[in-house]
Amino acid sequence: MSRLPTVTGREAIKAFEGHGFSVARIKGSHHIMKKEGHRYRLSVVVHGNKNLKPGTLSDLIKAAGLTVDEFIALL
């Protein structure tokens, strides 16, 4: 298993879009993403160029049904 990358919220959104998720709505700094037929919605925080915290990114990757290696490939 690869090490978690350091990414911003915008970079994470682009990677999840590559996996079929799309931004359903934006509420403040939270971008809510959904995928047709997928159980979970992803709430990605975008604060300018600040990086996502490792625990937050790890939870998002798991909720999307991806492995860290698959996520890195989408970047």
C-alpha atoms as a PDB file:
ATOM      1  CA  MET A   1       0.000   0.000   0.000  1.00  0.00           C
ATOM      2  CA  SER A   2       1.334   3.388  -0.967  1.00  0.00           C
ATOM      3  CA  ARG A   3       1.679   6.345   1.293  1.00  0.00           C
ATOM      4  CA  LEU A   4      -1.100   8.941   1.229  1.00  0.00           C
ATOM      5  CA  PRO A   5      -0.297  11.830  -1.107  1.00  0.00           C
ATOM      6  CA  THR A   6      -0.525  15.458  -0.057  1.00  0.00           C
ATOM      7  CA  VAL A   7      -3.309  17.067  -2.089  1.00  0.00           C
ATOM      8  CA  THR A   8      -5.545  20.103  -1.942  1.00  0.00           C
ATOM      9  CA  GLY A   9      -9.320  19.866  -1.986  1.00  0.00           C
ATOM     10  CA  ARG A  10      -9.412  20.935  -5.644  1.00  0.00           C
ATOM     11  CA  GLU A  11      -6.959  18.178  -6.634  1.00  0.00           C
ATOM     12  CA  ALA A  12      -9.006  15.601  -4.738  1.00  0.00           C
ATOM     13  CA  ILE A  13     -12.189  16.728  -6.504  1.00  0.00           C
ATOM     14  CA  LYS A  14     -10.539  16.279  -9.919  1.00  0.00           C
ATOM     15  CA  ALA A  15      -9.363  12.791  -8.946  1.00  0.00           C
ATOM     16  CA  PHE A  16     -12.827  11.749  -7.710  1.00  0.00           C
ATOM     17  CA  GLU A  17     -14.358  13.148 -10.905  1.00  0.00           C
ATOM     18  CA  GLY A  18     -12.065  10.785 -12.788  1.00  0.00           C
ATOM     19  CA  HIS A  19     -13.719   7.932 -10.883  1.00  0.00           C
ATOM     20  CA  GLY A  20     -17.220   9.015 -11.886  1.00  0.00           C
ATOM     21  CA  PHE A  21     -18.201  11.349  -9.048  1.00  0.00           C
ATOM     22  CA  SER A  22     -19.590  14.792  -9.811  1.00  0.00           C
ATOM     23  CA  VAL A  23     -20.150  17.874  -7.692  1.00  0.00           C
ATOM     24  CA  ALA A  24     -23.844  17.884  -6.749  1.00  0.00           C
ATOM     25  CA  ARG A  25     -23.763  21.129  -4.808  1.00  0.00           C
ATOM     26  CA  ILE A  26     -21.500  23.515  -2.949  1.00  0.00           C
ATOM     27  CA  LYS A  27     -22.346  24.599   0.570  1.00  0.00           C
ATOM     28  CA  GLY A  28     -19.802  27.091   1.827  1.00  0.00           C
ATOM     29  CA  SER A  29     -16.383  25.503   1.453  1.00  0.00           C
ATOM     30  CA  HIS A  30     -17.783  21.958   1.241  1.00  0.00           C
ATOM     31  CA  HIS A  31     -18.193  20.432  -2.194  1.00  0.00           C
ATOM     32  CA  ILE A  32     -20.715  17.601  -2.001  1.00  0.00           C
ATOM     33  CA  MET A  33     -19.991  14.929  -4.599  1.00  0.00           C
ATOM     34  CA  LYS A  34     -22.172  12.027  -5.661  1.00  0.00           C
ATOM     35  CA  LYS A  35     -22.007   9.121  -8.065  1.00  0.00           C
ATOM     36  CA  GLU A  36     -24.988   7.376  -9.608  1.00  0.00           C
ATOM     37  CA  GLY A  37     -25.534   4.022  -7.892  1.00  0.00           C
ATOM     38  CA  HIS A  38     -22.972   4.703  -5.166  1.00  0.00           C
ATOM     39  CA  ARG A  39     -24.007   4.456  -1.540  1.00  0.00           C
ATOM     40  CA  TYR A  40     -22.087   7.397  -0.097  1.00  0.00           C
ATOM     41  CA  ARG A  41     -21.751  11.097  -0.848  1.00  0.00           C
ATOM     42  CA  LEU A  42     -18.362  12.707  -0.460  1.00  0.00           C
ATOM     43  CA  SER A  43     -17.929  16.051   1.277  1.00  0.00           C
ATOM     44  CA  VAL A  44     -14.627  17.551   0.115  1.00  0.00           C
ATOM     45  CA  VAL A  45     -13.441  20.692   1.902  1.00  0.00           C
ATOM     46  CA  VAL A  46     -11.828  23.344  -0.307  1.00  0.00           C
ATOM     47  CA  HIS A  47      -9.908  26.059   1.530  1.00  0.00           C
ATOM     48  CA  GLY A  48      -7.858  27.743  -1.162  1.00  0.00           C
ATOM     49  CA  ASN A  49      -4.510  26.009  -1.549  1.00  0.00           C
ATOM     50  CA  LYS A  50      -4.525  24.300   1.858  1.00  0.00           C
ATOM     51  CA  ASN A  51      -3.900  20.562   1.832  1.00  0.00           C
ATOM     52  CA  LEU A  52      -6.464  18.088   3.118  1.00  0.00           C
ATOM     53  CA  LYS A  53      -5.600  16.488   6.433  1.00  0.00           C
ATOM     54  CA  PRO A  54      -4.427  12.863   6.098  1.00  0.00           C
ATOM     55  CA  GLY A  55      -7.335  11.436   8.117  1.00  0.00           C
ATOM     56  CA  THR A  56      -9.896  13.340   6.067  1.00  0.00           C
ATOM     57  CA  LEU A  57      -8.350  12.234   2.770  1.00  0.00           C
ATOM     58  CA  SER A  58      -8.141   8.628   3.969  1.00  0.00           C
ATOM     59  CA  ASP A  59     -11.829   8.621   4.924  1.00  0.00           C
ATOM     60  CA  LEU A  60     -12.812  10.129   1.565  1.00  0.00           C
ATOM     61  CA  ILE A  61     -10.820   7.516  -0.348  1.00  0.00           C
ATOM     62  CA  LYS A  62     -12.433   4.680   1.623  1.00  0.00           C
ATOM     63  CA  ALA A  63     -15.939   6.153   1.190  1.00  0.00           C
ATOM     64  CA  ALA A  64     -15.338   6.369  -2.568  1.00  0.00           C
ATOM     65  CA  GLY A  65     -14.483   2.663  -2.639  1.00  0.00           C
ATOM     66  CA  LEU A  66     -10.910   3.234  -3.764  1.00  0.00           C
ATOM     67  CA  THR A  67      -7.512   2.135  -2.545  1.00  0.00           C
ATOM     68  CA  VAL A  68      -4.704   4.636  -2.036  1.00  0.00           C
ATOM     69  CA  ASP A  69      -2.937   3.293  -5.142  1.00  0.00           C
ATOM     70  CA  GLU A  70      -6.073   3.717  -7.258  1.00  0.00           C
ATOM     71  CA  PHE A  71      -6.516   7.270  -5.958  1.00  0.00           C
ATOM     72  CA  ILE A  72      -2.894   8.127  -6.783  1.00  0.00           C
ATOM     73  CA  ALA A  73      -3.412   6.812 -10.317  1.00  0.00           C
ATOM     74  CA  LEU A  74      -6.380   9.197 -10.722  1.00  0.00           C
ATOM     75  CA  LEU A  75      -4.278  12.251  -9.773  1.00  0.00           C
END
